[in-house]
C-alpha atoms as a PDB file:
ATOM      1  CA  MET A   1      -5.850   8.733  22.665  1.00  0.00           C
ATOM      2  CA  LYS A   2      -7.977   5.592  21.997  1.00  0.00           C
ATOM      3  CA  TYR A   3     -10.672   4.762  19.369  1.00  0.00           C
ATOM      4  CA  LYS A   4     -13.313   3.775  22.193  1.00  0.00           C
ATOM      5  CA  ASN A   5     -13.188   7.525  23.301  1.00  0.00           C
ATOM      6  CA  LEU A   6     -14.066   9.233  20.070  1.00  0.00           C
ATOM      7  CA  GLU A   7     -17.493  10.548  19.882  1.00  0.00           C
ATOM      8  CA  ILE A   8     -19.243  11.354  16.536  1.00  0.00           C
ATOM      9  CA  LYS A   9     -21.121  14.936  16.270  1.00  0.00           C
ATOM     10  CA  ASP A  10     -22.600  16.247  13.333  1.00  0.00           C
ATOM     11  CA  ASN A  11     -20.908  13.699  11.028  1.00  0.00           C
ATOM     12  CA  SER A  12     -17.522  14.857  12.839  1.00  0.00           C
ATOM     13  CA  ILE A  13     -14.990  13.201  15.282  1.00  0.00           C
ATOM     14  CA  LYS A  14     -12.993  16.272  17.641  1.00  0.00           C
ATOM     15  CA  LEU A  15      -9.594  14.514  18.054  1.00  0.00           C
ATOM     16  CA  ASN A  16      -8.664  17.474  20.567  1.00  0.00           C
ATOM     17  CA  LYS A  17      -9.255  21.492  21.073  1.00  0.00           C
ATOM     18  CA  TYR A  18      -7.959  22.095  17.585  1.00  0.00           C
ATOM     19  CA  GLN A  19      -8.396  19.282  15.325  1.00  0.00           C
ATOM     20  CA  SER A  20     -11.595  17.250  13.857  1.00  0.00           C
ATOM     21  CA  ILE A  21     -12.188  15.248  11.280  1.00  0.00           C
ATOM     22  CA  HIS A  22     -15.786  15.246   9.147  1.00  0.00           C
ATOM     23  CA  PHE A  23     -17.049  12.368   7.664  1.00  0.00           C
ATOM     24  CA  ASN A  24     -19.190  12.140   4.755  1.00  0.00           C
ATOM     25  CA  PHE A  25     -20.961   8.755   5.682  1.00  0.00           C
ATOM     26  CA  GLU A  26     -22.809   7.898   2.854  1.00  0.00           C
ATOM     27  CA  GLY A  27     -19.997   8.374   0.232  1.00  0.00           C
ATOM     28  CA  LEU A  28     -17.375   6.453   2.269  1.00  0.00           C
ATOM     29  CA  GLN A  29     -20.313   3.807   2.594  1.00  0.00           C
ATOM     30  CA  ASN A  30     -20.471   3.532  -1.019  1.00  0.00           C
ATOM     31  CA  LYS A  31     -17.009   3.948  -1.879  1.00  0.00           C
ATOM     32  CA  LEU A  32     -15.770   1.101   0.577  1.00  0.00           C
ATOM     33  CA  LYS A  33     -18.569  -1.098  -0.619  1.00  0.00           C
ATOM     34  CA  GLU A  34     -16.516  -1.101  -3.880  1.00  0.00           C
ATOM     35  CA  ILE A  35     -13.984  -3.753  -2.475  1.00  0.00           C
ATOM     36  CA  LYS A  36     -14.787  -7.052  -3.036  1.00  0.00           C
ATOM     37  CA  PHE A  37     -13.847  -9.528  -0.464  1.00  0.00           C
ATOM     38  CA  PRO A  38     -11.278 -11.560   0.068  1.00  0.00           C
ATOM     39  CA  VAL A  39      -8.793  -8.840  -0.467  1.00  0.00           C
ATOM     40  CA  LEU A  40      -5.190  -8.561  -0.434  1.00  0.00           C
ATOM     41  CA  ILE A  41      -3.884  -5.389   0.799  1.00  0.00           C
ATOM     42  CA  LEU A  42      -0.224  -4.663  -1.189  1.00  0.00           C
ATOM     43  CA  ASP A  43       2.780  -2.767  -1.522  1.00  0.00           C
ATOM     44  CA  THR A  44       5.396  -3.152  -3.415  1.00  0.00           C
ATOM     45  CA  GLU A  45       9.291  -1.766  -3.833  1.00  0.00           C
ATOM     46  CA  PHE A  46      10.753  -1.470  -7.239  1.00  0.00           C
ATOM     47  CA  PHE A  47      13.802   0.014  -9.181  1.00  0.00           C
ATOM     48  CA  ASN A  48      13.628   1.754 -12.479  1.00  0.00           C
ATOM     49  CA  ARG A  49      15.967   4.064 -14.514  1.00  0.00           C
ATOM     50  CA  SER A  50      15.443   6.991 -12.000  1.00  0.00           C
ATOM     51  CA  HIS A  51      17.232   4.818  -9.270  1.00  0.00           C
ATOM     52  CA  ASP A  52      20.372   3.775 -11.261  1.00  0.00           C
ATOM     53  CA  PHE A  53      22.371   6.913 -10.017  1.00  0.00           C
ATOM     54  CA  GLU A  54      25.576   4.930 -10.928  1.00  0.00           C
ATOM     55  CA  ASN A  55      24.850   3.774 -14.335  1.00  0.00           C
ATOM     56  CA  ILE A  56      25.020   0.152 -12.963  1.00  0.00           C
ATOM     57  CA  LYS A  57      25.597  -2.887 -15.397  1.00  0.00           C
ATOM     58  CA  PRO A  58      24.211  -5.008 -16.443  1.00  0.00           C
ATOM     59  CA  LYS A  59      20.946  -3.689 -16.497  1.00  0.00           C
ATOM     60  CA  LEU A  60      18.106  -5.330 -15.124  1.00  0.00           C
ATOM     61  CA  TYR A  61      15.310  -2.861 -16.239  1.00  0.00           C
ATOM     62  CA  SER A  62      14.487  -2.276 -19.950  1.00  0.00           C
ATOM     63  CA  GLU A  63      12.047  -0.471 -22.345  1.00  0.00           C
ATOM     64  CA  GLU A  64       9.814  -3.205 -21.850  1.00  0.00           C
ATOM     65  CA  GLU A  65       9.943  -3.733 -18.092  1.00  0.00           C
ATOM     66  CA  LYS A  66      10.824  -0.129 -16.939  1.00  0.00           C
ATOM     67  CA  ASP A  67       9.770  -1.113 -12.989  1.00  0.00           C
ATOM     68  CA  ILE A  68      11.418  -4.147 -11.437  1.00  0.00           C
ATOM     69  CA  VAL A  69       9.793  -5.126  -8.542  1.00  0.00           C
ATOM     70  CA  TYR A  70      12.230  -6.851  -5.554  1.00  0.00           C
ATOM     71  CA  LEU A  71      10.060  -6.831  -2.750  1.00  0.00           C
ATOM     72  CA  MET A  72       6.298  -7.034  -1.978  1.00  0.00           C
ATOM     73  CA  ASN A  73       4.585  -6.964   1.191  1.00  0.00           C
ATOM     74  CA  TYR A  74       0.982  -8.411   1.582  1.00  0.00           C
ATOM     75  CA  SER A  75      -1.787  -8.802   4.092  1.00  0.00           C
ATOM     76  CA  PHE A  76      -4.933 -10.950   3.602  1.00  0.00           C
ATOM     77  CA  ALA A  77      -8.644 -10.111   4.927  1.00  0.00           C
ATOM     78  CA  LYS A  78     -11.776 -11.801   4.609  1.00  0.00           C
ATOM     79  CA  ASN A  79     -13.896  -8.294   5.754  1.00  0.00           C
ATOM     80  CA  PHE A  80     -13.544  -5.397   7.439  1.00  0.00           C
ATOM     81  CA  ASN A  81     -14.320  -6.506  10.865  1.00  0.00           C
ATOM     82  CA  GLU A  82     -11.441  -8.980  10.768  1.00  0.00           C
ATOM     83  CA  VAL A  83      -8.772  -5.859   9.834  1.00  0.00           C
ATOM     84  CA  LEU A  84     -10.739  -4.338  12.977  1.00  0.00           C
ATOM     85  CA  THR A  85     -10.347  -7.103  15.618  1.00  0.00           C
ATOM     86  CA  ARG A  86      -7.022  -8.899  14.622  1.00  0.00           C
ATOM     87  CA  ASN A  87      -3.509  -7.990  15.691  1.00  0.00           C
ATOM     88  CA  ASN A  88      -2.238  -6.522  11.988  1.00  0.00           C
ATOM     89  CA  HIS A  89       1.244  -6.605  13.009  1.00  0.00           C
ATOM     90  CA  LYS A  90       1.123 -10.660  12.531  1.00  0.00           C
ATOM     91  CA  SER A  91      -0.885 -10.571   9.523  1.00  0.00           C
ATOM     92  CA  ILE A  92       1.659  -9.376   6.960  1.00  0.00           C
ATOM     93  CA  ASN A  93       4.273 -11.196   4.809  1.00  0.00           C
ATOM     94  CA  SER A  94       6.219 -10.934   1.849  1.00  0.00           C
ATOM     95  CA  LEU A  95       7.935 -12.369  -1.399  1.00  0.00           C
ATOM     96  CA  SER A  96      11.065 -10.669  -2.267  1.00  0.00           C
ATOM     97  CA  ILE A  97      14.449 -11.432  -4.282  1.00  0.00           C
ATOM     98  CA  LYS A  98      17.579 -12.626  -2.543  1.00  0.00           C
ATOM     99  CA  ARG A  99      20.972 -12.776  -2.591  1.00  0.00           C
ATOM    100  CA  LYS A 100      23.727 -14.199  -0.357  1.00  0.00           C
ATOM    101  CA  ILE A 101      27.315 -13.189  -0.700  1.00  0.00           C
ATOM    102  CA  ASN A 102      29.245 -15.301  -3.067  1.00  0.00           C
ATOM    103  CA  ASP A 103      25.924 -17.132  -4.157  1.00  0.00           C
ATOM    104  CA  ASP A 104      27.327 -18.868  -7.431  1.00  0.00           C
ATOM    105  CA  LYS A 105      23.457 -20.028  -8.435  1.00  0.00           C
ATOM    106  CA  TYR A 106      22.365 -16.458  -7.644  1.00  0.00           C
ATOM    107  CA  ASN A 107      20.254 -15.470 -10.905  1.00  0.00           C
ATOM    108  CA  PHE A 108      17.649 -12.364 -10.668  1.00  0.00           C
ATOM    109  CA  LYS A 109      15.746 -13.215 -13.881  1.00  0.00           C
ATOM    110  CA  ASN A 110      15.034 -16.742 -12.496  1.00  0.00           C
ATOM    111  CA  GLN A 111      13.931 -15.454  -8.868  1.00  0.00           C
ATOM    112  CA  TYR A 112      11.989 -12.693 -10.682  1.00  0.00           C
ATOM    113  CA  GLN A 113       9.891 -14.900 -12.790  1.00  0.00           C
ATOM    114  CA  SER A 114       9.322 -17.085  -9.521  1.00  0.00           C
ATOM    115  CA  MET A 115       8.387 -14.618  -7.372  1.00  0.00           C
ATOM    116  CA  ILE A 116       5.658 -13.333 -10.224  1.00  0.00           C
ATOM    117  CA  LYS A 117       4.548 -16.855 -10.601  1.00  0.00           C
ATOM    118  CA  CYS A 118       4.159 -17.292  -6.935  1.00  0.00           C
ATOM    119  CA  PHE A 119       2.045 -14.093  -6.444  1.00  0.00           C
ATOM    120  CA  ILE A 120      -0.365 -14.898  -9.435  1.00  0.00           C
ATOM    121  CA  ASN A 121      -0.898 -18.228  -8.191  1.00  0.00           C
ATOM    122  CA  MET A 122      -1.308 -17.000  -4.537  1.00  0.00           C
ATOM    123  CA  CYS A 123      -3.964 -14.737  -5.318  1.00  0.00           C
ATOM    124  CA  VAL A 124      -6.147 -17.234  -7.773  1.00  0.00           C
ATOM    125  CA  ASN A 125      -5.329 -20.012  -4.944  1.00  0.00           C
ATOM    126  CA  LYS A 126      -6.754 -17.804  -2.355  1.00  0.00           C
ATOM    127  CA  ASN A 127      -9.562 -16.698  -4.422  1.00  0.00           C
ATOM    128  CA  ILE A 128      -8.619 -12.884  -4.247  1.00  0.00           C
ATOM    129  CA  ARG A 129     -11.115 -10.384  -5.510  1.00  0.00           C
ATOM    130  CA  THR A 130      -9.641  -7.256  -5.190  1.00  0.00           C
ATOM    131  CA  ILE A 131      -6.369  -5.650  -4.331  1.00  0.00           C
ATOM    132  CA  ILE A 132      -6.302  -2.950  -2.155  1.00  0.00           C
ATOM    133  CA  PHE A 133      -3.221  -0.112  -2.623  1.00  0.00           C
ATOM    134  CA  ALA A 134      -2.300   3.410  -1.115  1.00  0.00           C
ATOM    135  CA  GLY A 135      -1.366   5.283  -4.453  1.00  0.00           C
ATOM    136  CA  GLN A 136      -2.088   2.456  -7.059  1.00  0.00           C
ATOM    137  CA  ASP A 137      -0.758   4.007 -10.019  1.00  0.00           C
ATOM    138  CA  ASN A 138       2.716   2.003 -10.692  1.00  0.00           C
ATOM    139  CA  ASP A 139       2.038  -0.852  -8.630  1.00  0.00           C
ATOM    140  CA  LYS A 140      -1.378  -1.409 -10.610  1.00  0.00           C
ATOM    141  CA  LYS A 141       0.041  -1.096 -13.900  1.00  0.00           C
ATOM    142  CA  ILE A 142       3.429  -3.315 -13.057  1.00  0.00           C
ATOM    143  CA  ILE A 143       0.695  -6.307 -11.824  1.00  0.00           C
ATOM    144  CA  GLU A 144      -1.077  -5.967 -14.932  1.00  0.00           C
ATOM    145  CA  GLN A 145       1.739  -6.425 -16.856  1.00  0.00           C
ATOM    146  CA  TRP A 146       2.603  -9.505 -15.185  1.00  0.00           C
ATOM    147  CA  ILE A 147      -0.739 -11.172 -15.303  1.00  0.00           C
ATOM    148  CA  ASN A 148      -0.933 -10.471 -19.155  1.00  0.00           C
ATOM    149  CA  THR A 149       2.531 -11.972 -19.431  1.00  0.00           C
ATOM    150  CA  TYR A 150       1.738 -14.846 -17.516  1.00  0.00           C
ATOM    151  CA  LYS A 151      -1.872 -15.600 -18.501  1.00  0.00           C
ATOM    152  CA  ALA A 152      -1.202 -19.046 -18.832  1.00  0.00           C
ATOM    153  CA  LEU A 153      -1.308 -19.482 -15.032  1.00  0.00           C
ATOM    154  CA  PHE A 154      -4.688 -18.795 -14.397  1.00  0.00           C
ATOM    155  CA  LYS A 155      -6.262 -20.225 -17.949  1.00  0.00           C
ATOM    156  CA  ASN A 156      -9.670 -22.128 -17.456  1.00  0.00           C
ATOM    157  CA  LYS A 157      -9.469 -20.729 -13.705  1.00  0.00           C
ATOM    158  CA  LYS A 158     -12.435 -18.770 -12.351  1.00  0.00           C
ATOM    159  CA  THR A 159     -11.140 -15.525 -10.977  1.00  0.00           C
ATOM    160  CA  ASP A 160     -12.431 -11.828 -10.376  1.00  0.00           C
ATOM    161  CA  LEU A 161      -9.517 -10.575  -9.832  1.00  0.00           C
ATOM    162  CA  PHE A 162      -8.302 -10.455 -13.317  1.00  0.00           C
ATOM    163  CA  ILE A 163     -10.798  -9.274 -15.755  1.00  0.00           C
ATOM    164  CA  PHE A 164     -10.566  -9.479 -19.373  1.00  0.00           C
ATOM    165  CA  ASN A 165     -11.079  -6.636 -21.853  1.00  0.00           C
ATOM    166  CA  LYS A 166     -12.575  -8.274 -25.038  1.00  0.00           C
ATOM    167  CA  ASP A 167     -11.972  -4.841 -26.926  1.00  0.00           C
ATOM    168  CA  THR A 168      -8.068  -4.905 -26.196  1.00  0.00           C
ATOM    169  CA  LYS A 169      -7.753  -8.606 -25.575  1.00  0.00           C
ATOM    170  CA  SER A 170      -6.011  -7.902 -22.412  1.00  0.00           C
ATOM    171  CA  TYR A 171      -6.721  -8.520 -18.814  1.00  0.00           C
ATOM    172  CA  LYS A 172      -7.086  -5.640 -16.233  1.00  0.00           C
ATOM    173  CA  LEU A 173      -6.689  -5.625 -12.356  1.00  0.00           C
ATOM    174  CA  ASN A 174      -9.848  -5.319  -9.805  1.00  0.00           C
ATOM    175  CA  SER A 175      -8.258  -2.774  -7.533  1.00  0.00           C
ATOM    176  CA  PHE A 176      -8.801  -0.267  -5.111  1.00  0.00           C
ATOM    177  CA  ASP A 177      -7.084   3.013  -4.076  1.00  0.00           C
ATOM    178  CA  ILE A 178      -7.444   3.536  -0.333  1.00  0.00           C
ATOM    179  CA  TYR A 179      -6.434   7.052  -1.187  1.00  0.00           C
ATOM    180  CA  ASP A 180      -9.758   7.830  -3.246  1.00  0.00           C
ATOM    181  CA  ALA A 181     -11.379   6.778   0.006  1.00  0.00           C
ATOM    182  CA  LEU A 182      -9.506   8.682   2.166  1.00  0.00           C
ATOM    183  CA  GLU A 183      -9.732  12.047   0.024  1.00  0.00           C
ATOM    184  CA  GLN A 184     -13.253  11.844  -1.061  1.00  0.00           C
ATOM    185  CA  ASN A 185     -14.955  11.133   1.919  1.00  0.00           C
ATOM    186  CA  LEU A 186     -13.017  12.875   5.191  1.00  0.00           C
ATOM    187  CA  SER A 187     -12.466  16.538   5.817  1.00  0.00           C
ATOM    188  CA  PHE A 188      -9.453  17.833   8.262  1.00  0.00           C
ATOM    189  CA  SER A 189      -9.600  20.815  10.160  1.00  0.00           C
ATOM    190  CA  ASN A 190      -6.263  22.806   9.077  1.00  0.00           C
ATOM    191  CA  TYR A 191      -4.678  22.786  12.475  1.00  0.00           C
ATOM    192  CA  SER A 192      -2.121  20.663  14.438  1.00  0.00           C
ATOM    193  CA  LYS A 193      -2.568  19.575  17.794  1.00  0.00           C
ATOM    194  CA  ASN A 194      -0.996  22.871  19.210  1.00  0.00           C
ATOM    195  CA  GLY A 195      -3.007  24.996  17.134  1.00  0.00           C
ATOM    196  CA  GLU A 196      -0.667  25.827  14.269  1.00  0.00           C
ATOM    197  CA  LYS A 197      -1.509  25.712  10.941  1.00  0.00           C
ATOM    198  CA  PHE A 198      -1.183  22.060   9.963  1.00  0.00           C
ATOM    199  CA  TYR A 199      -0.548  22.048   6.216  1.00  0.00           C
ATOM    200  CA  ASN A 200      -0.529  24.809   3.711  1.00  0.00           C
ATOM    201  CA  GLU A 201      -3.991  24.884   2.135  1.00  0.00           C
ATOM    202  CA  GLN A 202      -2.918  26.130  -1.210  1.00  0.00           C
ATOM    203  CA  ASN A 203      -1.209  22.712  -1.690  1.00  0.00           C
ATOM    204  CA  LEU A 204      -4.260  20.746  -0.871  1.00  0.00           C
ATOM    205  CA  LYS A 205      -8.009  20.616  -1.854  1.00  0.00           C
ATOM    206  CA  LYS A 206     -10.209  22.042   0.172  1.00  0.00           C
ATOM    207  CA  GLY A 207     -12.412  20.093   2.287  1.00  0.00           C
ATOM    208  CA  ASP A 208     -16.128  19.690   2.910  1.00  0.00           C
ATOM    209  CA  VAL A 209     -16.622  22.187   5.680  1.00  0.00           C
ATOM    210  CA  ASP A 210     -15.353  25.716   6.430  1.00  0.00           C
ATOM    211  CA  ASP A 211     -11.382  25.877   7.384  1.00  0.00           C
ATOM    212  CA  SER A 212     -10.855  22.027   6.383  1.00  0.00           C
ATOM    213  CA  ILE A 213      -8.528  20.511   4.060  1.00  0.00           C
ATOM    214  CA  LYS A 214      -8.359  17.266   2.006  1.00  0.00           C
ATOM    215  CA  ILE A 215      -5.792  14.600   2.587  1.00  0.00           C
ATOM    216  CA  ARG A 216      -4.739  11.979   0.099  1.00  0.00           C
ATOM    217  CA  SER A 217      -1.370  10.751   1.685  1.00  0.00           C
ATOM    218  CA  LEU A 218      -0.731   8.258   4.416  1.00  0.00           C
ATOM    219  CA  LYS A 219       2.011   9.765   6.040  1.00  0.00           C
ATOM    220  CA  LYS A 220       0.015  13.286   6.262  1.00  0.00           C
ATOM    221  CA  PHE A 221      -2.950  11.210   7.573  1.00  0.00           C
ATOM    222  CA  PHE A 222      -0.467   9.842  10.457  1.00  0.00           C
ATOM    223  CA  ASP A 223       1.029  13.030  11.475  1.00  0.00           C
ATOM    224  CA  TYR A 224      -2.503  14.234  11.835  1.00  0.00           C
ATOM    225  CA  THR A 225      -3.575  11.662  13.935  1.00  0.00           C
ATOM    226  CA  GLU A 226      -0.345  11.239  15.709  1.00  0.00           C
ATOM    227  CA  ASP A 227      -1.779  11.200  19.415  1.00  0.00           C
ATOM    228  CA  LEU A 228      -4.542   8.766  17.795  1.00  0.00           C
ATOM    229  CA  HIS A 229      -2.056   6.302  16.256  1.00  0.00           C
ATOM    230  CA  ASN A 230       1.485   6.854  18.190  1.00  0.00           C
ATOM    231  CA  LYS A 231       1.757   3.104  19.561  1.00  0.00           C
ATOM    232  CA  TYR A 232       2.977   2.409  15.493  1.00  0.00           C
ATOM    233  CA  ASN A 233       6.170   4.594  15.639  1.00  0.00           C
ATOM    234  CA  PHE A 234       6.357   4.979  11.522  1.00  0.00           C
ATOM    235  CA  LYS A 235       9.520   6.212  10.535  1.00  0.00           C
ATOM    236  CA  ASP A 236      10.135   8.188   7.218  1.00  0.00           C
ATOM    237  CA  ASP A 237      12.932   6.786   5.225  1.00  0.00           C
ATOM    238  CA  ASN A 238      14.348   7.926   1.800  1.00  0.00           C
ATOM    239  CA  ILE A 239      12.945   5.138  -0.027  1.00  0.00           C
ATOM    240  CA  THR A 240      14.600   6.571  -3.610  1.00  0.00           C
ATOM    241  CA  PHE A 241      17.756   5.856  -1.872  1.00  0.00           C
ATOM    242  CA  LEU A 242      16.968   2.450  -0.558  1.00  0.00           C
ATOM    243  CA  CYS A 243      15.657   1.393  -3.800  1.00  0.00           C
ATOM    244  CA  SER A 244      19.035   2.472  -5.523  1.00  0.00           C
ATOM    245  CA  ARG A 245      20.475   0.305  -3.248  1.00  0.00           C
ATOM    246  CA  ALA A 246      18.984  -2.561  -4.086  1.00  0.00           C
ATOM    247  CA  LEU A 247      19.098  -2.037  -7.813  1.00  0.00           C
ATOM    248  CA  LYS A 248      23.156  -1.987  -7.140  1.00  0.00           C
ATOM    249  CA  LEU A 249      22.668  -5.403  -5.156  1.00  0.00           C
ATOM    250  CA  PHE A 250      20.804  -7.223  -7.551  1.00  0.00           C
ATOM    251  CA  SER A 251      22.602  -6.075 -10.468  1.00  0.00           C
ATOM    252  CA  LEU A 252      26.550  -6.534  -9.603  1.00  0.00           C
ATOM    253  CA  GLU A 253      28.071  -9.390 -11.154  1.00  0.00           C
ATOM    254  CA  ASN A 254      30.474  -9.540  -8.432  1.00  0.00           C
ATOM    255  CA  VAL A 255      29.920  -8.124  -4.580  1.00  0.00           C
ATOM    256  CA  SER A 256      32.495  -8.071  -2.304  1.00  0.00           C
ATOM    257  CA  GLN A 257      31.698  -9.054   1.252  1.00  0.00           C
ATOM    258  CA  TYR A 258      32.061  -5.184   2.629  1.00  0.00           C
ATOM    259  CA  GLU A 259      29.844  -4.017  -0.122  1.00  0.00           C
ATOM    260  CA  HIS A 260      27.083  -7.136   0.313  1.00  0.00           C
ATOM    261  CA  ASN A 261      26.716  -6.252   3.855  1.00  0.00           C
ATOM    262  CA  LYS A 262      26.651  -2.310   3.529  1.00  0.00           C
ATOM    263  CA  LEU A 263      23.641  -3.179   0.530  1.00  0.00           C
ATOM    264  CA  SER A 264      21.976  -5.663   2.566  1.00  0.00           C
ATOM    265  CA  LYS A 265      21.608  -3.047   5.267  1.00  0.00           C
ATOM    266  CA  SER A 266      19.493  -0.585   2.700  1.00  0.00           C
ATOM    267  CA  LEU A 267      17.446  -3.716   1.968  1.00  0.00           C
ATOM    268  CA  LYS A 268      16.486  -4.322   5.428  1.00  0.00           C
ATOM    269  CA  GLU A 269      15.640  -1.005   5.622  1.00  0.00           C
ATOM    270  CA  ALA A 270      13.477  -0.897   2.865  1.00  0.00           C
ATOM    271  CA  ARG A 271      11.753  -4.031   3.929  1.00  0.00           C
ATOM    272  CA  SER A 272      10.702  -2.255   6.970  1.00  0.00           C
ATOM    273  CA  HIS A 273       9.401   0.623   4.943  1.00  0.00           C
ATOM    274  CA  CYS A 274       7.369  -1.666   2.746  1.00  0.00           C
ATOM    275  CA  TYR A 275       6.199  -3.786   5.796  1.00  0.00           C
ATOM    276  CA  ASP A 276       5.424   0.087   7.366  1.00  0.00           C
ATOM    277  CA  ASP A 277       3.304   0.947   4.362  1.00  0.00           C
ATOM    278  CA  VAL A 278       1.090  -1.929   4.488  1.00  0.00           C
ATOM    279  CA  LEU A 279       0.636  -1.600   7.808  1.00  0.00           C
ATOM    280  CA  LYS A 280      -0.163   1.701   7.522  1.00  0.00           C
ATOM    281  CA  ILE A 281      -3.257   0.798   4.906  1.00  0.00           C
ATOM    282  CA  LEU A 282      -4.385  -1.535   7.299  1.00  0.00           C
ATOM    283  CA  VAL A 283      -4.742   0.804  10.082  1.00  0.00           C
ATOM    284  CA  LEU A 284      -6.255   3.282   7.840  1.00  0.00           C
ATOM    285  CA  ILE A 285      -9.092   0.637   7.186  1.00  0.00           C
ATOM    286  CA  LYS A 286      -9.462  -0.203  10.798  1.00  0.00           C
ATOM    287  CA  PHE A 287      -9.749   3.191  11.745  1.00  0.00           C
ATOM    288  CA  LEU A 288     -12.604   3.796   9.112  1.00  0.00           C
ATOM    289  CA  SER A 289     -14.146   0.372   9.845  1.00  0.00           C
ATOM    290  CA  TYR A 290     -14.545   1.438  13.584  1.00  0.00           C
ATOM    291  CA  ILE A 291     -15.939   4.963  12.841  1.00  0.00           C
ATOM    292  CA  MET A 292     -18.210   3.326  10.124  1.00  0.00           C
ATOM    293  CA  ASN A 293     -19.472   0.534  12.687  1.00  0.00           C
ATOM    294  CA  LYS A 294     -19.932   3.160  15.320  1.00  0.00           C
ATOM    295  CA  GLN A 295     -21.787   5.095  13.265  1.00  0.00           C
ATOM    296  CA  MET A 296     -23.805   2.671  10.999  1.00  0.00           C
ATOM    297  CA  GLY A 297     -23.501  -0.324  13.104  1.00  0.00           C
ATOM    298  CA  GLU A 298     -21.539  -3.282  12.095  1.00  0.00           C
ATOM    299  CA  THR A 299     -23.703  -4.661   9.046  1.00  0.00           C
ATOM    300  CA  TRP A 300     -23.189  -1.516   7.380  1.00  0.00           C
ATOM    301  CA  ALA A 301     -20.781  -3.262   4.613  1.00  0.00           C
ATOM    302  CA  SER A 302     -23.506  -5.660   3.788  1.00  0.00           C
ATOM    303  CA  VAL A 303     -26.615  -3.213   3.772  1.00  0.00           C
END
């Protein structure tokens, strides 16, 4: 099924005999207009105490820095229509920690600081005004710790992304959680494409129309719209395990060739997972933009 075949009737689109999505168009418009462009669509992978299954030493995390990012995937966008019309696969870039086998110059702390500084400078130099997350709680907290630690990097530079709070004497991040737009303004009839119950409604909020549910998950959204987005072929990964392998790779003082190969394979899988998560956000934005354009015209975001 293709987007061009979707028809809007009574504020709903019908995917098949059993599945339909109901939109609160006014609410969705108001929510999406909170986004200030240019934006950075971002996902990170990080490790902390919960990934330290083997009590690995030395410890890279601490009480002061509980969550340590080892990988970031991101994509820039100037407006909604750019996301709608471009090849989003090719728009995704990354920053990451690297470790070669038998690398005498490997220093995690130095790489970590360099990655943070590169990220902050990139945001300022690109004039990013909003960072878009899928589930922002951890990522936002981490980045706000970064900008308050390295605020000298953007001293005397104009930025709408890092907002100074006079009361707390600290910076906050101007961010947007795409889950809020999804959950607050879309309702899904609670059936699979085969007419079976899609999900236990007791575990989700009720939708705005009868026999519908709210979804606050990219995985559930793409499971529901499987036929509409089948070309993406997103995989399910045990990201907790993959992060534990990254923690081990970057923590050990000495790594054998065999162990490096094995752990690097898990790191490669984590990169694919992070890439897919950014692509999922982009595809959801593309879907919402397409529906909004069809219902309200291409100028809806500027009205």
